[in-house]
Amino acid sequence: MTVTAVGAWKPVGPWELLDLLFRGMAVGAQLGLGISLARSADDRGLRVATLLFVISNICFTLNGVRAIENLLGPVQLLLWLIQIGSAGYFWLFAVTLFEDRSLTVASAAPAASLTLIGLVGQYGPRASAPSIWTLHNVVGLLLALHALVVIVQSGRNDLVEARRRLRVPFLVLIATFSMVLSLAQIGQTLGIHAGWYEFANASIQAMLGIAGVAVLLEARPALFGVAGGGRSAPAESRTLDDSGIWLDRLQRAMDIDALWRREGLTIGDLAKAVGLPEHRLRRLINDQLGHRNFASFVNQRRIAEARAVLSDPANAARNVASIAFDLGFGSLGPFNRAFREATGVTPTEFRRLAMNYA
C-alpha cells in the first residue's frame, strides 16, 4: 500500500506512514510538555532551558524525514541547525533542573559549540568532514554522559523529594532511547538496512515523549514551582506539625554550633546533629526555608560570612584561600564558584570593591 502525496511528493509506504504517525505523537507530547513546564517554572533561566531542550527534541524528531522535508522546504535547514546542538540543550536542561544552576552565557556555550562544530562539518572542507563530525559526536556524547553524572551525583544534595524520585525514571527513559538508537546505528554501520529502523526510532520517541509527560507533569509543582534558595515554599506544603521545634534545633546547630563551617558537611551529618531522620530534615529545609539544594542552604551562611570577612579592613592581609578553608570549603575552586554565583563577582574583586568604599 502506498499513498501519493500532493504535488511533487513521492509515494509513501506503510512503514513511512507509521513513522509519520508516531513522530506526530512525539512532537505533540513534547510540545505540550514544554509549554506546560515552561509556564509553571518561576525561574526564568529554567523556563528558557526547558524550552530550548524541548524545541531541540522536536527538531531532532522531525529532521531527516523525507515527507517532512518536502513539506517544510527551506525551513528544514532551521530544524537541522537547532537539532545538531541537541546534546548541549539536554545538558543545559539537566544542570539547570537538577543542580539549580543559573542560566549564563557560559552555560549556553556547550550547545553553541556543538552547533558551530556541526556547521564546520557540514559546510567546511569535505576532506575534514568525517573528522569534524566525529568530534561533534564525541563532544555530544561527553556532554550527555556528564549530564547523567550530574543527575546522579546531585541527588545527594537534593532537598526536593519529587525531584529525587524523578531521577531513576528520567535516567531509564534516556538509557532506553539511547540503546535503541545505538542498536539501529550499529546495524546501519554493519550494512544491515531495514525499513522499520525509522519507524522504531519514531515509535520509541513517541512512547518516551508520552512517558515524559506522565513523569514530569506529575511532579511539576515541586520541580518547577520554587527556584532558588531562600524563598518560601507554598503554605500548603508545610505539613510538619512539629516543624517549629525542629526549626529551632536546626537554627541552633547552624548558628550556635556553626556546623556550616565543617568541611564536607552532609545532610546526613546535619540530620544526626539535629536528631531528625534525614528525609524529614530534607523536607523541613525545603518546605519551611525554601531551599531546593543542601549546598545552597549551607553556602548561604558561608557566603554571608565571607562577605563580612572580605569587607573587614582588619582581614586585608588574609589570603582568599585561608578564608575559604576557614569557612568549610575544601578548596579554592568551589569557594570562588559559589561566591561568584551569589554575588556576581569573585572574592578578590569583591574585596577590592569593598576596600575602595571603606
Protein backbone atom coordinates (compact mmCIF):
# COMPACT_ATOMS: atom_id res chain seq x y z
CA MET A 1 0.00 0.00 0.00
CA THR A 2 1.29 3.41 -0.97
CA VAL A 3 -0.13 6.88 -0.72
CA THR A 4 0.83 9.55 -3.22
CA ALA A 5 1.20 12.94 -1.65
CA VAL A 6 0.23 16.25 -3.16
CA GLY A 7 2.46 17.92 -5.77
CA ALA A 8 5.98 16.60 -6.08
CA TRP A 9 5.79 14.27 -3.12
CA LYS A 10 6.91 10.72 -3.73
CA PRO A 11 4.82 7.68 -2.74
CA VAL A 12 4.78 6.98 0.98
CA GLY A 13 4.93 3.38 2.11
CA PRO A 14 3.30 1.78 5.19
CA TRP A 15 6.44 2.00 7.32
CA GLU A 16 6.76 5.68 6.46
CA LEU A 17 3.11 6.31 7.30
CA LEU A 18 3.57 4.71 10.71
CA ASP A 19 6.81 6.66 11.09
CA LEU A 20 4.99 9.95 10.47
CA LEU A 21 2.16 8.97 12.81
CA PHE A 22 4.49 8.23 15.73
CA ARG A 23 6.63 11.27 15.06
CA GLY A 24 3.48 13.38 15.19
CA MET A 25 2.62 11.81 18.55
CA ALA A 26 6.13 12.50 19.82
CA VAL A 27 6.03 16.13 18.70
CA GLY A 28 2.61 16.66 20.25
CA ALA A 29 3.67 15.15 23.57
CA GLN A 30 6.93 17.12 23.67
CA LEU A 31 5.25 20.38 22.69
CA GLY A 32 2.55 20.02 25.36
CA LEU A 33 5.16 19.08 27.95
CA GLY A 34 7.41 22.00 27.07
CA ILE A 35 4.64 24.60 27.19
CA SER A 36 3.31 23.28 30.49
CA LEU A 37 6.71 23.10 32.19
CA ALA A 38 7.90 26.45 30.86
CA ARG A 39 4.74 28.22 32.04
CA SER A 40 4.93 26.70 35.52
CA ALA A 41 8.62 27.49 36.15
CA ASP A 42 9.17 30.53 38.36
CA ASP A 43 12.82 30.80 37.38
CA ARG A 44 13.40 32.48 34.02
CA GLY A 45 16.57 30.50 33.34
CA LEU A 46 14.77 27.20 33.88
CA ARG A 47 11.96 28.30 31.55
CA VAL A 48 14.47 29.12 28.81
CA ALA A 49 16.44 25.88 29.32
CA THR A 50 13.23 23.83 29.22
CA LEU A 51 12.02 25.44 26.00
CA LEU A 52 15.42 25.03 24.32
CA PHE A 53 15.54 21.36 25.32
CA VAL A 54 12.01 20.64 24.07
CA ILE A 55 12.45 22.60 20.82
CA SER A 56 15.72 20.78 20.06
CA ASN A 57 14.00 17.44 20.72
CA ILE A 58 11.17 18.37 18.35
CA CYS A 59 13.68 19.39 15.68
CA PHE A 60 15.53 16.09 16.19
CA THR A 61 12.24 14.20 15.78
CA LEU A 62 11.32 16.00 12.55
CA ASN A 63 14.75 16.17 10.94
CA GLY A 64 15.69 13.81 8.12
CA VAL A 65 12.16 12.60 7.30
CA ARG A 66 11.53 12.77 3.55
CA ALA A 67 7.85 13.68 3.70
CA ILE A 68 8.51 16.39 6.29
CA GLU A 69 11.44 17.77 4.28
CA ASN A 70 9.14 18.08 1.25
CA LEU A 71 6.55 19.85 3.36
CA LEU A 72 8.86 22.29 5.15
CA GLY A 73 11.25 23.08 2.32
CA PRO A 74 13.92 25.62 3.34
CA VAL A 75 12.60 25.66 6.92
CA GLN A 76 14.11 22.18 7.28
CA LEU A 77 17.54 23.85 7.43
CA LEU A 78 16.48 25.68 10.62
CA LEU A 79 15.38 22.38 12.18
CA TRP A 80 18.73 20.83 11.32
CA LEU A 81 20.61 23.82 12.74
CA ILE A 82 18.81 23.51 16.08
CA GLN A 83 18.97 19.74 16.39
CA ILE A 84 22.76 19.48 15.88
CA GLY A 85 23.12 21.19 19.26
CA SER A 86 20.56 18.94 20.98
CA ALA A 87 23.08 17.23 23.27
CA GLY A 88 24.10 20.66 24.55
CA TYR A 89 20.49 21.65 25.18
CA PHE A 90 19.91 18.39 27.05
CA TRP A 91 22.97 19.11 29.21
CA LEU A 92 21.74 22.65 29.87
CA PHE A 93 18.29 21.40 30.89
CA ALA A 94 19.76 18.73 33.18
CA VAL A 95 22.13 21.03 35.08
CA THR A 96 19.53 23.80 35.33
CA LEU A 97 16.80 21.49 36.64
CA PHE A 98 18.77 19.08 38.82
CA GLU A 99 21.58 21.36 40.05
CA ASP A 100 19.62 24.64 40.18
CA ARG A 101 22.31 26.35 38.13
CA SER A 102 21.72 29.85 36.83
CA LEU A 103 21.45 30.33 33.07
CA THR A 104 24.55 32.20 31.92
CA VAL A 105 26.47 32.75 28.70
CA ALA A 106 28.98 30.13 29.86
CA SER A 107 26.25 27.53 30.46
CA ALA A 108 24.92 28.07 26.94
CA ALA A 109 28.41 27.63 25.43
CA PRO A 110 28.26 23.80 25.01
CA ALA A 111 25.17 23.93 22.79
CA ALA A 112 26.63 26.82 20.81
CA SER A 113 29.92 24.93 20.39
CA LEU A 114 28.15 21.81 19.11
CA THR A 115 26.22 23.91 16.61
CA LEU A 116 29.40 25.59 15.40
CA ILE A 117 31.22 22.26 15.03
CA GLY A 118 28.26 20.90 13.06
CA LEU A 119 28.28 23.90 10.73
CA VAL A 120 32.00 23.41 10.07
CA GLY A 121 31.41 19.72 9.40
CA GLN A 122 28.58 20.48 7.01
CA TYR A 123 29.98 23.45 5.11
CA GLY A 124 33.73 23.19 5.72
CA PRO A 125 36.27 21.27 3.60
CA ARG A 126 34.86 17.90 2.58
CA ALA A 127 38.12 16.12 3.33
CA SER A 128 37.91 17.05 7.01
CA ALA A 129 34.14 16.48 7.34
CA PRO A 130 34.39 12.91 8.77
CA SER A 131 36.84 14.05 11.45
CA ILE A 132 34.73 17.11 12.30
CA TRP A 133 31.56 15.04 12.66
CA THR A 134 33.41 12.51 14.78
CA LEU A 135 34.48 15.38 17.05
CA HIS A 136 30.88 16.61 17.13
CA ASN A 137 29.59 13.19 18.15
CA VAL A 138 32.29 12.73 20.81
CA VAL A 139 31.59 16.15 22.35
CA GLY A 140 27.85 15.43 22.33
CA LEU A 141 28.41 12.06 23.97
CA LEU A 142 30.63 13.59 26.67
CA LEU A 143 28.01 16.26 27.40
CA ALA A 144 25.28 13.64 27.66
CA LEU A 145 27.41 11.49 29.97
CA HIS A 146 28.25 14.50 32.15
CA ALA A 147 24.56 15.37 32.35
CA LEU A 148 23.81 11.85 33.55
CA VAL A 149 26.60 12.12 36.15
CA VAL A 150 25.11 15.43 37.32
CA ILE A 151 21.67 13.85 37.63
CA VAL A 152 23.06 11.02 39.76
CA GLN A 153 25.53 12.95 41.91
CA SER A 154 23.33 15.97 42.62
CA GLY A 155 20.80 13.63 44.25
CA ARG A 156 22.88 13.64 47.43
CA ASN A 157 22.22 17.35 47.98
CA ASP A 158 18.70 17.45 46.58
CA LEU A 159 16.06 18.61 49.06
CA VAL A 160 13.07 18.28 46.70
CA GLU A 161 11.58 14.83 47.23
CA ALA A 162 9.71 14.80 43.91
CA ARG A 163 12.92 15.61 42.07
CA ARG A 164 14.80 12.86 43.91
CA ARG A 165 12.16 10.32 42.86
CA LEU A 166 12.28 11.60 39.29
CA ARG A 167 15.94 10.73 38.73
CA VAL A 168 15.53 6.98 38.21
CA PRO A 169 12.69 7.13 35.62
CA PHE A 170 14.43 10.05 33.92
CA LEU A 171 17.62 8.01 33.56
CA VAL A 172 15.68 4.94 32.39
CA LEU A 173 13.94 6.95 29.65
CA ILE A 174 17.23 8.35 28.40
CA ALA A 175 19.03 4.99 28.56
CA THR A 176 16.21 3.22 26.68
CA PHE A 177 16.17 5.74 23.85
CA SER A 178 19.97 5.79 23.60
CA MET A 179 20.14 1.98 23.49
CA VAL A 180 17.55 1.62 20.72
CA LEU A 181 19.11 4.44 18.70
CA SER A 182 22.60 2.95 19.11
CA LEU A 183 21.45 -0.53 18.01
CA ALA A 184 19.88 0.92 14.88
CA GLN A 185 23.02 2.93 14.08
CA ILE A 186 25.24 -0.13 14.66
CA GLY A 187 23.04 -2.13 12.32
CA GLN A 188 23.29 0.52 9.62
CA THR A 189 27.08 0.68 10.10
CA LEU A 190 27.26 -3.09 9.54
CA GLY A 191 25.28 -2.71 6.34
CA ILE A 192 22.01 -4.00 7.76
CA HIS A 193 19.31 -1.72 6.36
CA ALA A 194 15.69 -2.24 7.25
CA GLY A 195 12.60 -0.19 6.55
CA TRP A 196 11.50 -0.39 10.17
CA TYR A 197 14.57 1.44 11.56
CA GLU A 198 12.98 4.87 11.27
CA PHE A 199 9.65 3.50 12.47
CA ALA A 200 11.31 2.00 15.55
CA ASN A 201 13.07 5.30 16.21
CA ALA A 202 9.83 7.27 15.87
CA SER A 203 7.77 4.86 17.98
CA ILE A 204 10.36 4.95 20.78
CA GLN A 205 10.36 8.75 20.65
CA ALA A 206 6.56 8.79 20.85
CA MET A 207 6.46 6.41 23.83
CA LEU A 208 9.23 8.27 25.62
CA GLY A 209 7.52 11.59 24.93
CA ILE A 210 4.26 10.36 26.43
CA ALA A 211 6.11 8.76 29.34
CA GLY A 212 7.98 12.02 29.88
CA VAL A 213 4.70 13.90 30.03
CA ALA A 214 3.38 11.49 32.66
CA VAL A 215 6.56 11.58 34.76
CA LEU A 216 7.37 15.28 34.61
CA LEU A 217 3.86 16.72 34.78
CA GLU A 218 3.04 14.65 37.87
CA ALA A 219 5.98 16.21 39.69
CA ARG A 220 5.65 19.64 38.06
CA PRO A 221 4.67 21.78 41.07
CA ALA A 222 7.59 20.59 43.20
CA LEU A 223 10.08 20.57 40.32
CA PHE A 224 9.32 23.95 38.79
CA GLY A 225 7.30 25.81 41.43
CA VAL A 226 10.05 27.44 43.51
CA ALA A 227 13.50 28.05 42.11
CA GLY A 228 16.49 29.19 44.08
CA GLY A 229 17.29 29.04 47.76
CA GLY A 230 15.88 31.20 50.49
CA ARG A 231 12.35 31.57 49.11
CA SER A 232 9.31 30.41 50.97
CA ALA A 233 7.53 27.31 49.77
CA PRO A 234 3.74 27.33 49.33
CA ALA A 235 1.85 27.23 52.60
CA GLU A 236 0.00 24.05 51.70
CA SER A 237 3.31 22.13 51.57
CA ARG A 238 4.14 22.88 55.19
CA THR A 239 2.75 19.80 56.84
CA LEU A 240 5.26 19.13 59.62
CA ASP A 241 3.14 19.70 62.75
CA ASP A 242 6.20 19.99 64.99
CA SER A 243 8.23 21.98 62.48
CA GLY A 244 8.79 24.87 64.91
CA ILE A 245 10.64 22.66 67.37
CA TRP A 246 12.86 21.16 64.69
CA LEU A 247 13.49 24.54 63.10
CA ASP A 248 14.79 25.79 66.44
CA ARG A 249 17.13 22.79 66.69
CA LEU A 250 18.26 23.33 63.13
CA GLN A 251 18.95 27.01 63.76
CA ARG A 252 20.92 26.13 66.90
CA ALA A 253 23.03 23.58 65.02
CA MET A 254 23.78 26.01 62.21
CA ASP A 255 24.08 29.34 64.03
CA ILE A 256 25.32 28.47 67.53
CA ASP A 257 27.24 25.26 66.82
CA ALA A 258 28.23 26.64 63.41
CA LEU A 259 28.15 23.24 61.73
CA TRP A 260 28.24 25.00 58.38
CA ARG A 261 31.98 25.58 58.97
CA ARG A 262 32.60 21.82 58.94
CA GLU A 263 34.29 20.75 55.71
CA GLY A 264 32.32 18.12 53.80
CA LEU A 265 29.17 18.60 55.87
CA THR A 266 26.40 16.33 54.52
CA ILE A 267 22.67 16.26 55.02
CA GLY A 268 23.19 13.02 56.97
CA ASP A 269 25.67 14.69 59.34
CA LEU A 270 23.29 17.55 59.99
CA ALA A 271 20.35 15.18 60.50
CA LYS A 272 22.29 13.33 63.21
CA ALA A 273 23.19 16.61 64.93
CA VAL A 274 19.59 17.82 64.86
CA GLY A 275 18.18 14.41 65.85
CA LEU A 276 15.80 14.20 62.90
CA PRO A 277 15.58 11.49 60.21
CA GLU A 278 17.32 12.58 57.03
CA HIS A 279 14.20 12.51 54.85
CA ARG A 280 12.33 14.72 57.33
CA LEU A 281 15.21 17.17 57.52
CA ARG A 282 15.24 17.44 53.72
CA ARG A 283 11.53 18.16 53.80
CA LEU A 284 11.90 20.66 56.64
CA ILE A 285 14.59 22.70 54.87
CA ASN A 286 12.75 22.61 51.56
CA ASP A 287 9.21 23.30 52.83
CA GLN A 288 9.96 25.73 55.64
CA LEU A 289 13.06 27.54 54.39
CA GLY A 290 12.52 27.28 50.63
CA HIS A 291 15.88 25.74 49.74
CA ARG A 292 15.92 23.15 46.96
CA ASN A 293 19.56 22.18 47.33
CA PHE A 294 21.53 21.37 50.50
CA ALA A 295 24.70 23.01 49.17
CA SER A 296 22.86 26.30 48.65
CA PHE A 297 21.44 26.06 52.18
CA VAL A 298 24.92 25.65 53.70
CA ASN A 299 26.65 28.07 51.34
CA GLN A 300 24.18 30.80 52.17
CA ARG A 301 25.81 31.11 55.60
CA ARG A 302 29.30 30.58 54.27
CA ILE A 303 28.98 33.30 51.65
CA ALA A 304 27.39 35.73 54.13
CA GLU A 305 30.36 35.23 56.46
CA ALA A 306 32.79 35.50 53.55
CA ARG A 307 31.33 38.87 52.56
CA ALA A 308 31.75 40.13 56.12
CA VAL A 309 35.35 38.89 56.36
CA LEU A 310 36.35 40.25 52.95
CA SER A 311 34.81 43.64 53.75
CA ASP A 312 36.67 43.99 57.04
CA PRO A 313 39.91 46.03 56.73
CA ALA A 314 41.30 44.05 59.67
CA ASN A 315 41.36 40.95 57.40
CA ALA A 316 43.00 42.67 54.46
CA ALA A 317 46.21 40.66 54.91
CA ARG A 318 44.46 37.27 54.89
CA ASN A 319 44.61 35.44 51.59
CA VAL A 320 41.40 34.25 49.99
CA ALA A 321 42.35 30.55 50.24
CA SER A 322 42.68 30.66 54.03
CA ILE A 323 39.28 32.34 54.28
CA ALA A 324 37.76 29.63 52.09
CA PHE A 325 39.21 26.82 54.22
CA ASP A 326 38.06 28.53 57.42
CA LEU A 327 34.51 28.67 56.07
CA GLY A 328 34.37 24.94 55.34
CA PHE A 329 35.29 24.82 51.65
CA GLY A 330 37.67 22.03 50.76
CA SER A 331 39.44 24.02 48.06
CA LEU A 332 39.51 27.45 46.49
CA GLY A 333 37.67 26.48 43.29
CA PRO A 334 34.28 25.63 44.86
CA PHE A 335 34.51 28.75 47.04
CA ASN A 336 35.14 31.00 44.04
CA ARG A 337 32.26 29.44 42.09
CA ALA A 338 29.80 29.67 44.99
CA PHE A 339 30.82 33.24 45.81
CA ARG A 340 30.58 34.39 42.22
CA GLU A 341 27.21 32.74 41.75
CA ALA A 342 25.90 34.53 44.87
CA THR A 343 27.46 37.96 44.30
CA GLY A 344 28.30 38.16 40.61
CA VAL A 345 31.99 38.84 41.28
CA THR A 346 35.00 36.86 42.51
CA PRO A 347 36.07 37.10 46.18
CA THR A 348 39.16 39.07 45.18
CA GLU A 349 37.13 41.57 43.17
CA PHE A 350 34.58 41.85 45.98
CA ARG A 351 37.35 42.63 48.47
CA ARG A 352 38.85 45.26 46.18
CA LEU A 353 35.49 46.99 45.72
CA ALA A 354 34.72 46.79 49.45
CA MET A 355 38.08 48.31 50.40
CA ASN A 356 37.63 51.14 47.89
CA TYR A 357 34.35 52.11 49.55
CA ALA A 358 35.65 51.64 53.11
